[in-house]
N, C-alpha and C. Protein backbone atom coordinates (compact mmCIF):
# COMPACT_ATOMS: atom_id res chain seq x y z
N UNK A 1 184.36 -68.75 -135.37
CA UNK A 1 183.85 -70.02 -135.89
C UNK A 1 182.75 -70.56 -134.98
N UNK A 2 181.65 -70.96 -135.58
CA UNK A 2 180.55 -71.56 -134.82
C UNK A 2 180.81 -73.05 -134.62
N UNK A 3 180.59 -73.52 -133.40
CA UNK A 3 180.78 -74.93 -133.08
C UNK A 3 179.54 -75.47 -132.39
N UNK A 4 179.14 -76.68 -132.76
CA UNK A 4 178.05 -77.37 -132.07
C UNK A 4 178.58 -78.72 -131.57
N UNK A 5 178.38 -78.98 -130.30
CA UNK A 5 178.64 -80.31 -129.74
C UNK A 5 177.31 -81.03 -129.65
N UNK A 6 177.18 -82.11 -130.40
CA UNK A 6 175.92 -82.86 -130.44
C UNK A 6 176.16 -84.23 -129.82
N UNK A 7 175.38 -84.51 -128.78
CA UNK A 7 175.52 -85.77 -128.04
C UNK A 7 174.31 -86.64 -128.34
N UNK A 8 174.54 -87.71 -129.09
CA UNK A 8 173.44 -88.59 -129.51
C UNK A 8 173.35 -89.74 -128.51
N UNK A 9 172.17 -89.88 -127.91
CA UNK A 9 171.97 -90.81 -126.80
C UNK A 9 171.01 -91.92 -127.22
N UNK A 10 171.40 -93.16 -126.97
CA UNK A 10 170.46 -94.25 -127.21
C UNK A 10 169.56 -94.40 -125.99
N UNK A 11 168.29 -94.66 -126.25
CA UNK A 11 167.32 -94.86 -125.18
C UNK A 11 167.71 -95.99 -124.24
N UNK A 12 167.09 -96.03 -123.07
CA UNK A 12 167.31 -97.11 -122.11
C UNK A 12 166.69 -98.41 -122.58
N UNK A 13 166.94 -99.45 -121.82
CA UNK A 13 166.52 -100.80 -122.19
C UNK A 13 165.00 -100.97 -122.12
N UNK A 14 164.49 -101.80 -123.02
CA UNK A 14 163.09 -102.23 -122.99
C UNK A 14 163.06 -103.76 -122.87
N UNK A 15 161.88 -104.29 -122.62
CA UNK A 15 161.76 -105.76 -122.56
C UNK A 15 162.10 -106.41 -123.89
N UNK A 16 161.80 -105.72 -125.00
CA UNK A 16 162.15 -106.27 -126.31
C UNK A 16 163.66 -106.26 -126.53
N UNK A 17 164.35 -105.22 -126.05
CA UNK A 17 165.81 -105.24 -126.10
C UNK A 17 166.35 -106.46 -125.37
N UNK A 18 165.83 -106.67 -124.18
CA UNK A 18 166.30 -107.77 -123.34
C UNK A 18 166.05 -109.12 -124.01
N UNK A 19 164.93 -109.23 -124.73
CA UNK A 19 164.57 -110.49 -125.39
C UNK A 19 165.21 -110.63 -126.77
N UNK A 20 165.94 -109.60 -127.24
CA UNK A 20 166.58 -109.67 -128.55
C UNK A 20 165.61 -109.50 -129.70
N UNK A 21 164.53 -108.76 -129.48
CA UNK A 21 163.53 -108.54 -130.54
C UNK A 21 163.77 -107.18 -131.22
N UNK A 22 163.67 -107.18 -132.54
CA UNK A 22 163.82 -105.95 -133.30
C UNK A 22 162.58 -105.08 -133.07
N UNK A 23 162.79 -103.84 -132.62
CA UNK A 23 161.66 -102.98 -132.26
C UNK A 23 161.16 -102.11 -133.40
N UNK A 24 162.09 -101.50 -134.12
CA UNK A 24 161.68 -100.61 -135.20
C UNK A 24 160.77 -99.51 -134.69
N UNK A 25 159.64 -99.34 -135.35
CA UNK A 25 158.69 -98.28 -134.99
C UNK A 25 157.69 -98.72 -133.91
N UNK A 26 157.70 -99.99 -133.51
CA UNK A 26 156.80 -100.45 -132.47
C UNK A 26 157.12 -99.69 -131.18
N UNK A 27 156.09 -99.15 -130.54
CA UNK A 27 156.31 -98.22 -129.42
C UNK A 27 156.37 -98.97 -128.09
N UNK A 28 157.54 -99.48 -127.78
CA UNK A 28 157.77 -100.24 -126.55
C UNK A 28 158.33 -99.32 -125.48
N UNK A 29 157.79 -99.40 -124.28
CA UNK A 29 158.22 -98.53 -123.19
C UNK A 29 159.48 -99.07 -122.50
N UNK A 30 160.14 -98.22 -121.75
CA UNK A 30 161.30 -98.64 -120.97
C UNK A 30 160.90 -99.64 -119.90
N UNK A 31 161.81 -100.56 -119.60
CA UNK A 31 161.62 -101.40 -118.42
C UNK A 31 162.36 -100.75 -117.24
N UNK A 32 162.38 -101.41 -116.11
CA UNK A 32 162.99 -100.81 -114.92
C UNK A 32 164.48 -100.55 -115.13
N UNK A 33 165.17 -101.50 -115.75
CA UNK A 33 166.59 -101.29 -116.03
C UNK A 33 166.80 -100.10 -116.96
N UNK A 34 165.90 -99.93 -117.93
CA UNK A 34 165.99 -98.81 -118.85
C UNK A 34 165.80 -97.47 -118.16
N UNK A 35 164.88 -97.43 -117.21
CA UNK A 35 164.67 -96.19 -116.46
C UNK A 35 165.89 -95.86 -115.60
N UNK A 36 166.50 -96.88 -115.03
CA UNK A 36 167.71 -96.66 -114.24
C UNK A 36 168.86 -96.17 -115.13
N UNK A 37 168.96 -96.71 -116.34
CA UNK A 37 169.99 -96.24 -117.27
C UNK A 37 169.79 -94.77 -117.62
N UNK A 38 168.54 -94.38 -117.83
CA UNK A 38 168.26 -92.98 -118.16
C UNK A 38 168.59 -92.07 -116.98
N UNK A 39 168.22 -92.48 -115.79
CA UNK A 39 168.52 -91.67 -114.60
C UNK A 39 170.03 -91.53 -114.39
N UNK A 40 170.78 -92.56 -114.74
CA UNK A 40 172.24 -92.52 -114.57
C UNK A 40 172.90 -91.51 -115.50
N UNK A 41 172.18 -91.06 -116.53
CA UNK A 41 172.72 -90.08 -117.46
C UNK A 41 172.66 -88.66 -116.91
N UNK A 42 171.89 -88.43 -115.87
CA UNK A 42 171.69 -87.06 -115.36
C UNK A 42 173.00 -86.33 -115.07
N UNK A 43 173.89 -86.89 -114.24
CA UNK A 43 175.13 -86.15 -113.94
C UNK A 43 176.02 -85.96 -115.17
N UNK A 44 175.98 -86.91 -116.10
CA UNK A 44 176.79 -86.80 -117.31
C UNK A 44 176.31 -85.62 -118.15
N UNK A 45 175.00 -85.52 -118.35
CA UNK A 45 174.45 -84.43 -119.17
C UNK A 45 174.62 -83.08 -118.48
N UNK A 46 174.57 -83.07 -117.16
CA UNK A 46 174.85 -81.82 -116.44
C UNK A 46 176.29 -81.38 -116.66
N UNK A 47 177.21 -82.34 -116.61
CA UNK A 47 178.62 -82.03 -116.82
C UNK A 47 178.87 -81.53 -118.24
N UNK A 48 178.09 -82.05 -119.20
CA UNK A 48 178.23 -81.62 -120.60
C UNK A 48 177.56 -80.28 -120.86
N UNK A 49 176.87 -79.76 -119.86
CA UNK A 49 176.21 -78.45 -119.94
C UNK A 49 175.24 -78.37 -121.13
N UNK A 50 174.38 -79.37 -121.18
CA UNK A 50 173.40 -79.45 -122.26
C UNK A 50 172.46 -78.25 -122.21
N UNK A 51 172.25 -77.63 -123.37
CA UNK A 51 171.41 -76.43 -123.46
C UNK A 51 170.13 -76.65 -124.26
N UNK A 52 170.09 -77.73 -125.03
CA UNK A 52 168.94 -77.99 -125.90
C UNK A 52 168.78 -79.50 -126.04
N UNK A 53 167.51 -79.96 -126.08
CA UNK A 53 167.24 -81.40 -126.10
C UNK A 53 166.24 -81.74 -127.21
N UNK A 54 166.58 -82.74 -128.01
CA UNK A 54 165.69 -83.27 -129.04
C UNK A 54 165.46 -84.75 -128.75
N UNK A 55 164.31 -85.26 -129.21
CA UNK A 55 164.02 -86.68 -129.00
C UNK A 55 163.17 -87.24 -130.12
N UNK A 56 163.39 -88.50 -130.40
CA UNK A 56 162.45 -89.29 -131.19
C UNK A 56 161.08 -89.23 -130.52
N UNK A 57 160.04 -89.38 -131.32
CA UNK A 57 158.68 -89.38 -130.78
C UNK A 57 158.30 -90.70 -130.12
N UNK A 58 159.09 -91.76 -130.30
CA UNK A 58 158.78 -93.04 -129.68
C UNK A 58 159.02 -92.96 -128.18
N UNK A 59 158.14 -93.60 -127.41
CA UNK A 59 158.13 -93.39 -125.96
C UNK A 59 159.41 -93.83 -125.27
N UNK A 60 160.08 -94.87 -125.78
CA UNK A 60 161.30 -95.32 -125.11
C UNK A 60 162.40 -94.26 -125.18
N UNK A 61 162.43 -93.49 -126.26
CA UNK A 61 163.41 -92.41 -126.37
C UNK A 61 162.95 -91.18 -125.59
N UNK A 62 161.67 -90.83 -125.72
CA UNK A 62 161.18 -89.62 -125.05
C UNK A 62 161.22 -89.77 -123.54
N UNK A 63 160.84 -90.94 -123.02
CA UNK A 63 160.90 -91.16 -121.58
C UNK A 63 162.35 -91.11 -121.10
N UNK A 64 163.26 -91.66 -121.87
CA UNK A 64 164.68 -91.56 -121.53
C UNK A 64 165.12 -90.10 -121.45
N UNK A 65 164.68 -89.31 -122.42
CA UNK A 65 165.03 -87.89 -122.42
C UNK A 65 164.45 -87.17 -121.21
N UNK A 66 163.20 -87.47 -120.89
CA UNK A 66 162.56 -86.84 -119.72
C UNK A 66 163.32 -87.16 -118.44
N UNK A 67 163.63 -88.43 -118.24
CA UNK A 67 164.31 -88.85 -117.01
C UNK A 67 165.73 -88.29 -116.94
N UNK A 68 166.43 -88.32 -118.06
CA UNK A 68 167.84 -87.92 -118.07
C UNK A 68 168.04 -86.42 -117.93
N UNK A 69 167.08 -85.63 -118.39
CA UNK A 69 167.26 -84.17 -118.43
C UNK A 69 166.37 -83.42 -117.45
N UNK A 70 165.70 -84.13 -116.57
CA UNK A 70 164.74 -83.48 -115.68
C UNK A 70 165.37 -82.34 -114.88
N UNK A 71 166.58 -82.53 -114.39
CA UNK A 71 167.24 -81.50 -113.58
C UNK A 71 167.64 -80.28 -114.40
N UNK A 72 167.70 -80.42 -115.72
CA UNK A 72 168.13 -79.32 -116.57
C UNK A 72 167.03 -78.31 -116.85
N UNK A 73 165.78 -78.70 -116.58
CA UNK A 73 164.62 -77.81 -116.76
C UNK A 73 164.53 -77.29 -118.19
N UNK A 74 164.75 -78.17 -119.15
CA UNK A 74 164.67 -77.79 -120.57
C UNK A 74 163.48 -78.47 -121.22
N UNK A 75 162.87 -77.80 -122.18
CA UNK A 75 161.81 -78.44 -122.96
C UNK A 75 162.45 -79.41 -123.94
N UNK A 76 161.71 -80.46 -124.27
CA UNK A 76 162.21 -81.48 -125.19
C UNK A 76 161.47 -81.37 -126.51
N UNK A 77 162.20 -81.19 -127.58
CA UNK A 77 161.59 -81.05 -128.90
C UNK A 77 161.48 -82.43 -129.56
N UNK A 78 160.26 -82.88 -129.80
CA UNK A 78 160.04 -84.18 -130.44
C UNK A 78 160.17 -84.07 -131.96
N UNK A 79 160.83 -85.05 -132.56
CA UNK A 79 161.04 -85.06 -134.01
C UNK A 79 160.78 -86.45 -134.58
N UNK A 80 159.86 -86.55 -135.53
CA UNK A 80 159.59 -87.82 -136.19
C UNK A 80 160.82 -88.38 -136.90
N UNK A 81 161.66 -87.50 -137.45
CA UNK A 81 162.82 -87.96 -138.22
C UNK A 81 163.87 -88.63 -137.35
N UNK A 82 163.71 -88.56 -136.02
CA UNK A 82 164.64 -89.23 -135.11
C UNK A 82 164.15 -90.61 -134.70
N UNK A 83 163.00 -91.03 -135.23
CA UNK A 83 162.48 -92.35 -134.88
C UNK A 83 163.37 -93.46 -135.44
N UNK A 84 163.22 -94.63 -134.84
CA UNK A 84 163.99 -95.79 -135.30
C UNK A 84 163.61 -96.18 -136.72
N UNK A 85 164.48 -96.94 -137.36
CA UNK A 85 164.22 -97.45 -138.69
C UNK A 85 162.92 -98.24 -138.73
N UNK A 86 162.15 -98.03 -139.77
CA UNK A 86 160.95 -98.83 -139.98
C UNK A 86 161.39 -100.15 -140.63
N UNK A 87 161.29 -101.24 -139.88
CA UNK A 87 161.73 -102.53 -140.43
C UNK A 87 160.55 -103.42 -140.81
N UNK A 88 159.37 -102.80 -140.95
CA UNK A 88 158.23 -103.49 -141.53
C UNK A 88 157.89 -104.80 -140.85
N UNK A 89 157.80 -105.86 -141.63
CA UNK A 89 157.35 -107.15 -141.12
C UNK A 89 158.39 -107.87 -140.26
N UNK A 90 159.58 -107.27 -140.11
CA UNK A 90 160.59 -107.84 -139.21
C UNK A 90 160.43 -107.35 -137.77
N UNK A 91 159.57 -106.37 -137.56
CA UNK A 91 159.40 -105.83 -136.21
C UNK A 91 158.82 -106.87 -135.27
N UNK A 92 159.38 -106.94 -134.09
CA UNK A 92 158.93 -107.88 -133.08
C UNK A 92 159.58 -109.24 -133.16
N UNK A 93 160.43 -109.46 -134.17
CA UNK A 93 161.05 -110.77 -134.37
C UNK A 93 162.48 -110.79 -133.84
N UNK A 94 162.96 -111.97 -133.50
CA UNK A 94 164.36 -112.17 -133.14
C UNK A 94 165.17 -112.44 -134.41
N UNK A 95 166.49 -112.47 -134.28
CA UNK A 95 167.35 -112.78 -135.42
C UNK A 95 166.98 -114.14 -136.01
N UNK A 96 166.76 -115.12 -135.14
CA UNK A 96 166.42 -116.47 -135.61
C UNK A 96 165.09 -116.47 -136.37
N UNK A 97 164.11 -115.75 -135.87
CA UNK A 97 162.81 -115.69 -136.53
C UNK A 97 162.89 -114.95 -137.86
N UNK A 98 163.70 -113.90 -137.91
CA UNK A 98 163.88 -113.17 -139.17
C UNK A 98 164.54 -114.06 -140.21
N UNK A 99 165.57 -114.78 -139.81
CA UNK A 99 166.27 -115.69 -140.72
C UNK A 99 165.32 -116.76 -141.26
N UNK A 100 164.49 -117.29 -140.39
CA UNK A 100 163.54 -118.32 -140.80
C UNK A 100 162.50 -117.77 -141.77
N UNK A 101 162.05 -116.55 -141.52
CA UNK A 101 160.97 -115.97 -142.32
C UNK A 101 161.45 -115.36 -143.63
N UNK A 102 162.63 -114.71 -143.61
CA UNK A 102 163.07 -113.94 -144.77
C UNK A 102 164.33 -114.48 -145.45
N UNK A 103 164.89 -115.57 -144.93
CA UNK A 103 166.04 -116.17 -145.59
C UNK A 103 167.31 -116.07 -144.76
N UNK A 104 168.22 -117.02 -145.01
CA UNK A 104 169.44 -117.12 -144.23
C UNK A 104 170.32 -115.88 -144.32
N UNK A 105 170.29 -115.19 -145.47
CA UNK A 105 171.17 -114.04 -145.65
C UNK A 105 170.50 -112.71 -145.35
N UNK A 106 169.26 -112.72 -144.88
CA UNK A 106 168.52 -111.47 -144.69
C UNK A 106 169.15 -110.57 -143.63
N UNK A 107 169.62 -111.16 -142.53
CA UNK A 107 170.24 -110.35 -141.48
C UNK A 107 171.56 -109.76 -141.96
N UNK A 108 172.36 -110.57 -142.67
CA UNK A 108 173.62 -110.06 -143.21
C UNK A 108 173.39 -108.91 -144.18
N UNK A 109 172.37 -109.04 -145.02
CA UNK A 109 172.04 -107.96 -145.96
C UNK A 109 171.60 -106.71 -145.22
N UNK A 110 170.81 -106.91 -144.16
CA UNK A 110 170.29 -105.76 -143.41
C UNK A 110 171.41 -105.03 -142.67
N UNK A 111 172.35 -105.78 -142.14
CA UNK A 111 173.41 -105.17 -141.34
C UNK A 111 174.54 -104.58 -142.17
N UNK A 112 174.60 -104.92 -143.45
CA UNK A 112 175.68 -104.45 -144.32
C UNK A 112 175.41 -103.04 -144.83
N UNK A 113 176.49 -102.23 -144.87
CA UNK A 113 176.39 -100.89 -145.46
C UNK A 113 177.16 -100.80 -146.77
N UNK A 114 177.34 -101.95 -147.43
CA UNK A 114 177.87 -101.92 -148.79
C UNK A 114 176.88 -101.17 -149.68
N UNK A 115 177.40 -100.42 -150.62
CA UNK A 115 176.55 -99.62 -151.50
C UNK A 115 175.48 -100.47 -152.17
N UNK A 116 175.84 -101.66 -152.60
CA UNK A 116 174.89 -102.51 -153.33
C UNK A 116 173.74 -103.01 -152.46
N UNK A 117 173.88 -102.90 -151.13
CA UNK A 117 172.84 -103.40 -150.23
C UNK A 117 172.09 -102.29 -149.49
N UNK A 118 172.37 -101.04 -149.83
CA UNK A 118 171.71 -99.94 -149.12
C UNK A 118 170.22 -99.87 -149.40
N UNK A 119 169.78 -100.46 -150.51
CA UNK A 119 168.35 -100.43 -150.83
C UNK A 119 167.60 -101.67 -150.35
N UNK A 120 168.32 -102.58 -149.68
CA UNK A 120 167.64 -103.74 -149.10
C UNK A 120 166.68 -103.28 -148.01
N UNK A 121 165.52 -103.90 -147.97
CA UNK A 121 164.53 -103.60 -146.92
C UNK A 121 163.73 -104.85 -146.64
N UNK A 122 163.18 -104.90 -145.43
CA UNK A 122 162.21 -105.95 -145.13
C UNK A 122 160.86 -105.51 -145.68
N UNK A 123 159.96 -106.45 -145.98
CA UNK A 123 158.66 -106.08 -146.56
C UNK A 123 157.96 -104.99 -145.74
N UNK A 124 157.49 -103.96 -146.44
CA UNK A 124 156.79 -102.82 -145.84
C UNK A 124 157.67 -101.98 -144.92
N UNK A 125 158.98 -102.10 -145.08
CA UNK A 125 159.90 -101.35 -144.24
C UNK A 125 160.66 -100.28 -145.02
N UNK A 126 161.64 -99.72 -144.36
CA UNK A 126 162.45 -98.62 -144.87
C UNK A 126 163.83 -99.15 -145.23
N UNK A 127 164.42 -98.64 -146.29
CA UNK A 127 165.78 -99.06 -146.65
C UNK A 127 166.80 -98.25 -145.86
N UNK A 128 168.02 -98.75 -145.81
CA UNK A 128 169.09 -98.00 -145.14
C UNK A 128 169.36 -96.69 -145.86
N UNK A 129 169.22 -96.67 -147.18
CA UNK A 129 169.44 -95.43 -147.92
C UNK A 129 168.42 -94.37 -147.50
N UNK A 130 167.18 -94.78 -147.34
CA UNK A 130 166.14 -93.84 -146.89
C UNK A 130 166.42 -93.36 -145.47
N UNK A 131 166.82 -94.28 -144.60
CA UNK A 131 167.18 -93.91 -143.23
C UNK A 131 168.32 -92.90 -143.22
N UNK A 132 169.35 -93.16 -143.99
CA UNK A 132 170.53 -92.30 -144.00
C UNK A 132 170.19 -90.91 -144.53
N UNK A 133 169.31 -90.85 -145.50
CA UNK A 133 168.91 -89.54 -146.04
C UNK A 133 168.18 -88.72 -144.98
N UNK A 134 167.21 -89.33 -144.29
CA UNK A 134 166.43 -88.54 -143.33
C UNK A 134 167.25 -88.14 -142.10
N UNK A 135 168.14 -89.04 -141.65
CA UNK A 135 168.92 -88.66 -140.47
C UNK A 135 169.94 -87.58 -140.82
N UNK A 136 170.49 -87.63 -142.04
CA UNK A 136 171.43 -86.58 -142.46
C UNK A 136 170.74 -85.22 -142.48
N UNK A 137 169.55 -85.17 -143.07
CA UNK A 137 168.81 -83.91 -143.12
C UNK A 137 168.47 -83.42 -141.72
N UNK A 138 168.08 -84.33 -140.84
CA UNK A 138 167.67 -83.96 -139.49
C UNK A 138 168.84 -83.39 -138.69
N UNK A 139 169.96 -84.08 -138.70
CA UNK A 139 171.09 -83.63 -137.88
C UNK A 139 171.75 -82.38 -138.43
N UNK A 140 171.80 -82.23 -139.74
CA UNK A 140 172.33 -80.99 -140.30
C UNK A 140 171.41 -79.82 -139.99
N UNK A 141 170.11 -80.07 -139.99
CA UNK A 141 169.16 -79.01 -139.63
C UNK A 141 169.37 -78.57 -138.18
N UNK A 142 169.51 -79.55 -137.29
CA UNK A 142 169.76 -79.22 -135.88
C UNK A 142 171.05 -78.41 -135.74
N UNK A 143 172.13 -78.90 -136.35
CA UNK A 143 173.43 -78.26 -136.20
C UNK A 143 173.47 -76.87 -136.82
N UNK A 144 172.90 -76.73 -138.00
CA UNK A 144 173.00 -75.46 -138.72
C UNK A 144 172.07 -74.38 -138.19
N UNK A 145 170.96 -74.79 -137.58
CA UNK A 145 169.94 -73.80 -137.21
C UNK A 145 169.80 -73.57 -135.71
N UNK A 146 170.44 -74.38 -134.90
CA UNK A 146 170.38 -74.16 -133.46
C UNK A 146 171.32 -73.03 -133.07
N UNK A 147 170.94 -72.27 -132.06
CA UNK A 147 171.84 -71.25 -131.52
C UNK A 147 172.48 -71.70 -130.21
N UNK A 148 172.40 -73.01 -129.94
CA UNK A 148 173.01 -73.60 -128.75
C UNK A 148 174.28 -74.35 -129.13
N UNK A 149 175.21 -74.44 -128.19
CA UNK A 149 176.48 -75.09 -128.50
C UNK A 149 176.57 -76.52 -127.98
N UNK A 150 175.70 -76.90 -127.03
CA UNK A 150 175.74 -78.24 -126.46
C UNK A 150 174.34 -78.85 -126.51
N UNK A 151 174.16 -79.85 -127.36
CA UNK A 151 172.83 -80.35 -127.71
C UNK A 151 172.76 -81.85 -127.48
N UNK A 152 171.70 -82.31 -126.81
CA UNK A 152 171.47 -83.74 -126.62
C UNK A 152 170.35 -84.21 -127.54
N UNK A 153 170.56 -85.35 -128.19
CA UNK A 153 169.56 -85.91 -129.10
C UNK A 153 169.33 -87.37 -128.70
N UNK A 154 168.10 -87.69 -128.31
CA UNK A 154 167.76 -89.05 -127.87
C UNK A 154 167.13 -89.82 -129.03
N UNK A 155 167.75 -90.95 -129.37
CA UNK A 155 167.28 -91.68 -130.53
C UNK A 155 167.48 -93.18 -130.32
N UNK A 156 167.87 -93.89 -131.39
CA UNK A 156 167.79 -95.36 -131.42
C UNK A 156 169.05 -95.98 -132.02
N UNK A 157 169.26 -97.25 -131.72
CA UNK A 157 170.49 -97.93 -132.08
C UNK A 157 170.78 -98.04 -133.56
N UNK A 158 169.80 -98.46 -134.35
CA UNK A 158 170.05 -98.62 -135.79
C UNK A 158 170.31 -97.27 -136.44
N UNK A 159 169.58 -96.25 -136.01
CA UNK A 159 169.81 -94.90 -136.53
C UNK A 159 171.20 -94.42 -136.16
N UNK A 160 171.62 -94.67 -134.92
CA UNK A 160 172.93 -94.20 -134.48
C UNK A 160 174.06 -94.88 -135.25
N UNK A 161 173.90 -96.17 -135.54
CA UNK A 161 174.93 -96.87 -136.33
C UNK A 161 174.96 -96.31 -137.76
N UNK A 162 173.79 -96.12 -138.36
CA UNK A 162 173.73 -95.57 -139.71
C UNK A 162 174.39 -94.20 -139.77
N UNK A 163 174.25 -93.43 -138.71
CA UNK A 163 174.82 -92.09 -138.66
C UNK A 163 176.33 -92.11 -138.82
N UNK A 164 176.99 -93.14 -138.29
CA UNK A 164 178.45 -93.22 -138.42
C UNK A 164 178.87 -93.48 -139.86
N UNK A 165 177.99 -94.08 -140.66
CA UNK A 165 178.28 -94.29 -142.08
C UNK A 165 177.95 -93.04 -142.90
N UNK A 166 176.97 -92.27 -142.46
CA UNK A 166 176.63 -91.03 -143.15
C UNK A 166 177.75 -90.01 -143.01
N UNK A 167 178.30 -89.90 -141.80
CA UNK A 167 179.29 -88.86 -141.52
C UNK A 167 180.71 -89.40 -141.30
N UNK A 168 180.98 -90.62 -141.74
CA UNK A 168 182.31 -91.16 -141.56
C UNK A 168 182.45 -92.54 -142.17
N UNK A 169 183.45 -93.28 -141.70
CA UNK A 169 183.75 -94.60 -142.25
C UNK A 169 182.80 -95.67 -141.75
N UNK A 170 182.05 -95.35 -140.69
CA UNK A 170 181.07 -96.30 -140.18
C UNK A 170 181.63 -97.22 -139.10
N UNK A 171 180.74 -97.69 -138.25
CA UNK A 171 181.09 -98.65 -137.20
C UNK A 171 180.33 -99.93 -137.49
N UNK A 172 181.02 -101.03 -137.81
CA UNK A 172 180.33 -102.27 -138.17
C UNK A 172 179.56 -102.87 -137.00
N UNK A 173 178.62 -103.74 -137.35
CA UNK A 173 177.68 -104.29 -136.38
C UNK A 173 178.37 -105.02 -135.24
N UNK A 174 179.48 -105.72 -135.56
CA UNK A 174 180.11 -106.55 -134.54
C UNK A 174 180.78 -105.73 -133.44
N UNK A 175 180.96 -104.43 -133.67
CA UNK A 175 181.44 -103.55 -132.60
C UNK A 175 180.24 -103.02 -131.83
N UNK A 176 180.01 -103.56 -130.67
CA UNK A 176 178.80 -103.26 -129.91
C UNK A 176 178.97 -101.96 -129.11
N UNK A 177 178.97 -100.84 -129.83
CA UNK A 177 179.20 -99.54 -129.19
C UNK A 177 177.91 -98.77 -128.93
N UNK A 178 176.79 -99.29 -129.40
CA UNK A 178 175.53 -98.53 -129.29
C UNK A 178 174.62 -99.19 -128.26
N UNK A 179 175.16 -99.41 -127.08
CA UNK A 179 174.40 -100.04 -126.00
C UNK A 179 173.34 -99.08 -125.47
N UNK A 180 172.34 -99.64 -124.80
CA UNK A 180 171.29 -98.81 -124.22
C UNK A 180 171.88 -97.81 -123.24
N UNK A 181 171.50 -96.54 -123.41
CA UNK A 181 172.00 -95.49 -122.54
C UNK A 181 173.36 -94.95 -122.91
N UNK A 182 173.92 -95.39 -124.03
CA UNK A 182 175.24 -94.89 -124.45
C UNK A 182 175.11 -93.53 -125.13
N UNK A 183 176.21 -92.77 -125.10
CA UNK A 183 176.27 -91.43 -125.68
C UNK A 183 177.40 -91.37 -126.69
N UNK A 184 177.10 -90.86 -127.89
CA UNK A 184 178.12 -90.65 -128.91
C UNK A 184 178.22 -89.16 -129.22
N UNK A 185 179.46 -88.68 -129.27
CA UNK A 185 179.73 -87.25 -129.42
C UNK A 185 180.08 -86.92 -130.88
N UNK A 186 179.40 -85.91 -131.41
CA UNK A 186 179.69 -85.37 -132.74
C UNK A 186 179.98 -83.88 -132.62
N UNK A 187 180.84 -83.39 -133.49
CA UNK A 187 181.13 -81.96 -133.55
C UNK A 187 180.78 -81.44 -134.94
N UNK A 188 180.13 -80.28 -134.97
CA UNK A 188 179.84 -79.58 -136.23
C UNK A 188 180.44 -78.18 -136.14
N UNK A 189 181.00 -77.71 -137.25
CA UNK A 189 181.45 -76.32 -137.32
C UNK A 189 180.96 -75.70 -138.63
N UNK A 190 180.87 -74.38 -138.63
CA UNK A 190 180.42 -73.70 -139.85
C UNK A 190 181.52 -73.63 -140.90
N UNK A 191 182.72 -74.11 -140.58
CA UNK A 191 183.78 -74.20 -141.59
C UNK A 191 183.56 -75.39 -142.53
N UNK A 192 182.81 -76.38 -142.05
CA UNK A 192 182.48 -77.57 -142.86
C UNK A 192 181.02 -77.91 -142.58
N UNK A 193 180.09 -77.07 -143.05
CA UNK A 193 178.70 -77.12 -142.58
C UNK A 193 177.87 -78.30 -143.05
N UNK A 194 178.40 -79.12 -143.96
CA UNK A 194 177.62 -80.24 -144.49
C UNK A 194 177.98 -81.58 -143.86
N UNK A 195 178.75 -81.56 -142.79
CA UNK A 195 179.08 -82.83 -142.15
C UNK A 195 179.27 -82.65 -140.65
N UNK A 196 179.12 -83.76 -139.95
CA UNK A 196 179.42 -83.83 -138.53
C UNK A 196 180.60 -84.78 -138.35
N UNK A 197 181.45 -84.51 -137.39
CA UNK A 197 182.61 -85.35 -137.13
C UNK A 197 182.33 -86.19 -135.89
N UNK A 198 182.43 -87.51 -136.05
CA UNK A 198 182.18 -88.42 -134.94
C UNK A 198 183.42 -88.49 -134.06
N UNK A 199 183.28 -88.07 -132.81
CA UNK A 199 184.41 -88.06 -131.88
C UNK A 199 184.46 -89.31 -131.00
N UNK A 200 183.44 -90.14 -131.11
CA UNK A 200 183.45 -91.40 -130.38
C UNK A 200 182.44 -91.47 -129.26
N UNK A 201 182.47 -92.61 -128.59
CA UNK A 201 181.56 -92.87 -127.47
C UNK A 201 182.12 -92.26 -126.20
N UNK A 202 181.24 -91.63 -125.43
CA UNK A 202 181.66 -91.03 -124.16
C UNK A 202 181.70 -92.10 -123.08
C-alpha cells in the first residue's frame, strides 16, 4: 500500500496578520515574528523527515518555506493553486471595515461552510466553492503523483480551513487551530485515492 504523509504549514506572521487585516492575494512579506516562527519549524520538519516541499507563490508562504527547510537542502516547488483565497475588494480590510462596507452579515456568510453559502463571494473575489475545487485538485495531484512519502506544503489560513471541509467534517472558524506557523497532518493512501484524512494539528 502506498502512503503519503502531507504536512500543510501556514506561513509565518505578517504585519497585516498582526493588524487583523484580510490579506487574500495581496503579497505581504513576513515580519520579524513571522521569520522567527518559520525558523522554529526547522527541527520539526527535520524530525518529520520531509522529502519534498511545495509552496504557494505568495512571498509570505515561500519565504516561510525557504527559512523552514533550508537545512533540508530541497528545492521548493511553487504552485499558484496553493495561493490564498482571492477575497477581492475585502483585501486589506479588517472585520469591522468589511462589515461596514459589505453588510452586517457578510463576515458570517464568508465564514460559513453551509452548502447554501458556498457560492458567496466578496466583489471581484473567489467563492468558497471555487477555492475548495482548486485545493482538492491540487492536493490530490500532489498525493497521487509524488513518489515521496513525507511532503511539506506551505500555504494559507483560509485555504487550510477550507481543506478540512473538503476532506472531512470541517473545523469551524471559532476553533483557532490555523495559527501562523502551525502544521496540520494529512494521510493519503492508494486504497482510498480520492481523499486525504486529516489527522490533526501537530
